[in-house]
Amino acid sequence: MSHDLWRFAALMRIAHHIPGRVRLKLGDGADAAAVAGVSSFTRSAVNVRGIRSVKVNPLARSCVVEYDPDQIPPSVWQDIADGRRSAQADRLLQALAEG
């Protein structure tokens, strides 16, 4: 399942980020399946320790994730967006897969 999340993550980019709040946007290459993946991400994310909330805007093809930067290092989001499989990024995506 985390493999699927890495594929989904490859379609996202960071539109805006301050520690504790990140806006993720689907890139132009995202198809209908990727847009549907946002719903799956949202359902999983609310169960992950350190994520406070996820708000999705389907028309803008984006979501805002509010998180605790003491539990999820801010650099993890850039690792995921860049496709860098750091240990912390793998842990977060694994937690999302289990969520």
N, C-alpha and C. Protein backbone atom coordinates (compact mmCIF):
# COMPACT_ATOMS: atom_id res chain seq x y z
N MET A 1 0.81 -1.21 0.00
CA MET A 1 0.00 0.00 0.00
C MET A 1 0.85 1.27 0.00
N SER A 2 1.99 1.29 0.75
CA SER A 2 2.81 2.50 0.76
C SER A 2 3.39 2.77 -0.63
N HIS A 3 3.57 1.69 -1.45
CA HIS A 3 4.02 1.87 -2.83
C HIS A 3 3.01 2.70 -3.60
N ASP A 4 1.72 2.43 -3.42
CA ASP A 4 0.67 3.21 -4.07
C ASP A 4 0.72 4.66 -3.62
N LEU A 5 1.01 4.87 -2.33
CA LEU A 5 1.09 6.23 -1.82
C LEU A 5 2.28 6.98 -2.41
N TRP A 6 3.39 6.27 -2.64
CA TRP A 6 4.53 6.93 -3.29
C TRP A 6 4.16 7.35 -4.71
N ARG A 7 3.41 6.52 -5.42
CA ARG A 7 2.96 6.90 -6.77
C ARG A 7 2.05 8.12 -6.70
N PHE A 8 1.14 8.12 -5.74
CA PHE A 8 0.24 9.26 -5.55
C PHE A 8 1.04 10.51 -5.18
N ALA A 9 2.01 10.36 -4.26
CA ALA A 9 2.83 11.48 -3.81
C ALA A 9 3.61 12.10 -4.97
N ALA A 10 4.00 11.28 -5.94
CA ALA A 10 4.76 11.79 -7.07
C ALA A 10 3.94 12.78 -7.91
N LEU A 11 2.64 12.75 -7.79
CA LEU A 11 1.77 13.65 -8.53
C LEU A 11 1.50 14.96 -7.78
N MET A 12 1.96 15.04 -6.54
CA MET A 12 1.69 16.22 -5.72
C MET A 12 2.89 17.16 -5.72
N ARG A 13 2.58 18.40 -5.46
CA ARG A 13 3.64 19.38 -5.21
C ARG A 13 3.22 20.23 -4.02
N ILE A 14 4.18 20.87 -3.42
CA ILE A 14 3.88 21.74 -2.28
C ILE A 14 3.59 23.13 -2.84
N ALA A 15 2.39 23.61 -2.59
CA ALA A 15 2.01 24.95 -3.03
C ALA A 15 2.41 25.99 -1.99
N HIS A 16 2.35 25.61 -0.72
CA HIS A 16 2.70 26.52 0.37
C HIS A 16 2.99 25.69 1.60
N HIS A 17 3.99 26.13 2.39
CA HIS A 17 4.33 25.35 3.57
C HIS A 17 4.94 26.25 4.64
N ILE A 18 4.35 26.19 5.81
CA ILE A 18 4.97 26.73 7.02
C ILE A 18 4.91 25.58 8.02
N PRO A 19 5.87 25.48 8.93
CA PRO A 19 5.82 24.37 9.88
C PRO A 19 4.45 24.30 10.58
N GLY A 20 3.81 23.15 10.45
CA GLY A 20 2.49 22.94 11.03
C GLY A 20 1.35 22.99 10.04
N ARG A 21 1.65 23.48 8.82
CA ARG A 21 0.58 23.60 7.82
C ARG A 21 1.19 23.52 6.42
N VAL A 22 0.71 22.58 5.63
CA VAL A 22 1.21 22.43 4.27
C VAL A 22 0.03 22.31 3.31
N ARG A 23 0.12 23.05 2.18
CA ARG A 23 -0.90 22.92 1.12
C ARG A 23 -0.27 22.09 0.01
N LEU A 24 -0.90 20.96 -0.27
CA LEU A 24 -0.46 20.04 -1.32
C LEU A 24 -1.40 20.19 -2.50
N LYS A 25 -0.83 20.24 -3.69
CA LYS A 25 -1.63 20.42 -4.89
C LYS A 25 -1.27 19.33 -5.89
N LEU A 26 -2.29 18.75 -6.53
CA LEU A 26 -2.06 17.77 -7.58
C LEU A 26 -1.54 18.47 -8.82
N GLY A 27 -0.52 17.90 -9.42
CA GLY A 27 0.06 18.48 -10.63
C GLY A 27 -0.84 18.30 -11.84
N ASP A 28 -0.45 18.90 -12.94
CA ASP A 28 -1.24 18.86 -14.17
C ASP A 28 -1.37 17.45 -14.74
N GLY A 29 -0.41 16.58 -14.44
CA GLY A 29 -0.45 15.22 -14.97
C GLY A 29 -1.38 14.28 -14.23
N ALA A 30 -2.04 14.77 -13.20
CA ALA A 30 -2.92 13.92 -12.40
C ALA A 30 -4.21 13.61 -13.15
N ASP A 31 -4.56 12.32 -13.14
CA ASP A 31 -5.79 11.89 -13.81
C ASP A 31 -6.90 11.71 -12.77
N ALA A 32 -8.03 11.19 -13.20
CA ALA A 32 -9.18 11.00 -12.31
C ALA A 32 -8.85 10.06 -11.16
N ALA A 33 -8.02 9.05 -11.42
CA ALA A 33 -7.63 8.12 -10.35
C ALA A 33 -6.82 8.84 -9.27
N ALA A 34 -5.98 9.77 -9.68
CA ALA A 34 -5.19 10.53 -8.70
C ALA A 34 -6.10 11.43 -7.88
N VAL A 35 -7.07 12.03 -8.51
CA VAL A 35 -8.02 12.88 -7.78
C VAL A 35 -8.79 12.02 -6.77
N ALA A 36 -9.15 10.81 -7.15
CA ALA A 36 -9.83 9.89 -6.22
C ALA A 36 -8.88 9.51 -5.09
N GLY A 37 -7.58 9.47 -5.36
CA GLY A 37 -6.60 9.15 -4.32
C GLY A 37 -6.57 10.17 -3.21
N VAL A 38 -6.98 11.39 -3.50
CA VAL A 38 -7.03 12.43 -2.47
C VAL A 38 -8.00 12.01 -1.37
N SER A 39 -9.12 11.42 -1.74
CA SER A 39 -10.09 10.97 -0.74
C SER A 39 -9.50 9.89 0.15
N SER A 40 -8.79 8.96 -0.45
CA SER A 40 -8.14 7.90 0.30
C SER A 40 -7.09 8.48 1.25
N PHE A 41 -6.30 9.41 0.75
CA PHE A 41 -5.29 10.09 1.56
C PHE A 41 -5.94 10.77 2.76
N THR A 42 -7.05 11.46 2.50
CA THR A 42 -7.74 12.20 3.56
C THR A 42 -8.25 11.26 4.64
N ARG A 43 -8.88 10.16 4.23
CA ARG A 43 -9.39 9.20 5.22
C ARG A 43 -8.26 8.62 6.05
N SER A 44 -7.13 8.32 5.43
CA SER A 44 -5.99 7.75 6.14
C SER A 44 -5.32 8.76 7.04
N ALA A 45 -5.19 9.99 6.56
CA ALA A 45 -4.41 11.00 7.27
C ALA A 45 -5.00 11.37 8.63
N VAL A 46 -6.31 11.39 8.74
CA VAL A 46 -6.90 11.81 10.01
C VAL A 46 -6.62 10.82 11.14
N ASN A 47 -6.16 9.62 10.80
CA ASN A 47 -5.84 8.62 11.82
C ASN A 47 -4.36 8.56 12.17
N VAL A 48 -3.55 9.40 11.53
CA VAL A 48 -2.10 9.37 11.74
C VAL A 48 -1.73 10.31 12.89
N ARG A 49 -0.95 9.77 13.80
CA ARG A 49 -0.49 10.58 14.93
C ARG A 49 0.32 11.76 14.41
N GLY A 50 -0.02 12.94 14.85
CA GLY A 50 0.68 14.15 14.45
C GLY A 50 -0.08 14.96 13.42
N ILE A 51 -1.05 14.35 12.73
CA ILE A 51 -1.86 15.10 11.77
C ILE A 51 -3.13 15.55 12.48
N ARG A 52 -3.32 16.84 12.49
CA ARG A 52 -4.47 17.43 13.20
C ARG A 52 -5.72 17.47 12.34
N SER A 53 -5.55 17.85 11.08
CA SER A 53 -6.71 17.93 10.18
C SER A 53 -6.25 17.94 8.73
N VAL A 54 -7.18 17.57 7.87
CA VAL A 54 -6.95 17.62 6.42
C VAL A 54 -8.21 18.22 5.81
N LYS A 55 -8.03 19.27 5.03
CA LYS A 55 -9.15 19.90 4.34
C LYS A 55 -8.88 19.82 2.84
N VAL A 56 -9.84 19.27 2.12
CA VAL A 56 -9.68 19.06 0.69
C VAL A 56 -10.52 20.07 -0.08
N ASN A 57 -9.94 20.60 -1.15
CA ASN A 57 -10.66 21.47 -2.08
C ASN A 57 -10.59 20.80 -3.45
N PRO A 58 -11.61 20.00 -3.80
CA PRO A 58 -11.55 19.25 -5.07
C PRO A 58 -11.44 20.13 -6.31
N LEU A 59 -12.09 21.28 -6.29
CA LEU A 59 -12.04 22.16 -7.46
C LEU A 59 -10.64 22.71 -7.68
N ALA A 60 -9.93 23.01 -6.60
CA ALA A 60 -8.55 23.51 -6.72
C ALA A 60 -7.55 22.37 -6.81
N ARG A 61 -8.04 21.13 -6.65
CA ARG A 61 -7.18 19.94 -6.67
C ARG A 61 -6.05 20.07 -5.63
N SER A 62 -6.48 20.48 -4.43
CA SER A 62 -5.49 20.66 -3.37
C SER A 62 -6.06 20.24 -2.03
N CYS A 63 -5.16 20.09 -1.07
CA CYS A 63 -5.58 19.85 0.30
C CYS A 63 -4.61 20.55 1.24
N VAL A 64 -5.12 20.93 2.39
CA VAL A 64 -4.32 21.55 3.43
C VAL A 64 -4.23 20.57 4.58
N VAL A 65 -3.01 20.27 4.99
CA VAL A 65 -2.76 19.37 6.10
C VAL A 65 -2.21 20.20 7.25
N GLU A 66 -2.91 20.17 8.37
CA GLU A 66 -2.40 20.79 9.58
C GLU A 66 -1.82 19.67 10.43
N TYR A 67 -0.57 19.86 10.86
CA TYR A 67 0.14 18.80 11.57
C TYR A 67 0.98 19.37 12.70
N ASP A 68 1.43 18.49 13.58
CA ASP A 68 2.29 18.87 14.69
C ASP A 68 3.74 18.72 14.24
N PRO A 69 4.47 19.83 14.06
CA PRO A 69 5.85 19.72 13.59
C PRO A 69 6.80 19.06 14.60
N ASP A 70 6.36 18.89 15.84
CA ASP A 70 7.17 18.16 16.82
C ASP A 70 7.08 16.65 16.59
N GLN A 71 6.00 16.21 15.95
CA GLN A 71 5.81 14.78 15.68
C GLN A 71 6.14 14.42 14.23
N ILE A 72 5.90 15.34 13.32
CA ILE A 72 6.20 15.13 11.90
C ILE A 72 7.14 16.25 11.48
N PRO A 73 8.41 15.95 11.26
CA PRO A 73 9.35 17.00 10.87
C PRO A 73 8.91 17.68 9.56
N PRO A 74 8.95 19.00 9.50
CA PRO A 74 8.52 19.70 8.29
C PRO A 74 9.25 19.23 7.02
N SER A 75 10.48 18.81 7.12
CA SER A 75 11.25 18.38 5.95
C SER A 75 10.66 17.14 5.28
N VAL A 76 9.86 16.38 6.02
CA VAL A 76 9.26 15.16 5.47
C VAL A 76 8.39 15.47 4.26
N TRP A 77 7.66 16.57 4.32
CA TRP A 77 6.75 16.90 3.22
C TRP A 77 7.53 17.16 1.94
N GLN A 78 8.67 17.84 2.04
CA GLN A 78 9.49 18.08 0.85
C GLN A 78 10.09 16.78 0.35
N ASP A 79 10.52 15.92 1.27
CA ASP A 79 11.04 14.60 0.86
C ASP A 79 10.00 13.86 0.04
N ILE A 80 8.77 13.84 0.52
CA ILE A 80 7.69 13.13 -0.18
C ILE A 80 7.42 13.76 -1.53
N ALA A 81 7.32 15.08 -1.56
CA ALA A 81 7.04 15.79 -2.82
C ALA A 81 8.15 15.58 -3.84
N ASP A 82 9.39 15.46 -3.37
CA ASP A 82 10.54 15.26 -4.27
C ASP A 82 10.80 13.80 -4.59
N GLY A 83 10.03 12.89 -3.96
CA GLY A 83 10.23 11.47 -4.20
C GLY A 83 11.44 10.89 -3.47
N ARG A 84 11.96 11.62 -2.47
CA ARG A 84 13.10 11.13 -1.68
C ARG A 84 12.58 10.18 -0.62
N ARG A 85 13.04 8.96 -0.67
CA ARG A 85 12.56 7.95 0.27
C ARG A 85 13.39 7.97 1.54
N SER A 86 13.29 9.07 2.28
CA SER A 86 13.97 9.15 3.57
C SER A 86 13.25 8.25 4.56
N ALA A 87 13.94 7.92 5.64
CA ALA A 87 13.34 7.06 6.67
C ALA A 87 12.08 7.71 7.23
N GLN A 88 12.11 9.02 7.45
CA GLN A 88 10.95 9.71 8.01
C GLN A 88 9.78 9.74 7.01
N ALA A 89 10.09 9.94 5.73
CA ALA A 89 9.03 9.94 4.72
C ALA A 89 8.41 8.55 4.61
N ASP A 90 9.25 7.52 4.63
CA ASP A 90 8.73 6.15 4.59
C ASP A 90 7.83 5.87 5.79
N ARG A 91 8.24 6.34 6.98
CA ARG A 91 7.41 6.11 8.18
C ARG A 91 6.06 6.80 8.06
N LEU A 92 6.05 8.04 7.56
CA LEU A 92 4.78 8.76 7.43
C LEU A 92 3.88 8.06 6.41
N LEU A 93 4.44 7.68 5.26
CA LEU A 93 3.61 7.02 4.26
C LEU A 93 3.14 5.64 4.72
N GLN A 94 3.96 4.95 5.51
CA GLN A 94 3.52 3.69 6.08
C GLN A 94 2.37 3.89 7.05
N ALA A 95 2.47 4.94 7.88
CA ALA A 95 1.38 5.26 8.81
C ALA A 95 0.11 5.61 8.05
N LEU A 96 0.25 6.33 6.93
CA LEU A 96 -0.91 6.66 6.10
C LEU A 96 -1.51 5.38 5.50
N ALA A 97 -0.66 4.47 5.08
CA ALA A 97 -1.14 3.21 4.49
C ALA A 97 -1.90 2.37 5.53
N GLU A 98 -1.47 2.45 6.77
CA GLU A 98 -2.13 1.67 7.84
C GLU A 98 -3.35 2.38 8.39
N GLY A 99 -3.44 3.71 8.15
CA GLY A 99 -4.53 4.51 8.69
C GLY A 99 -5.82 4.14 8.09
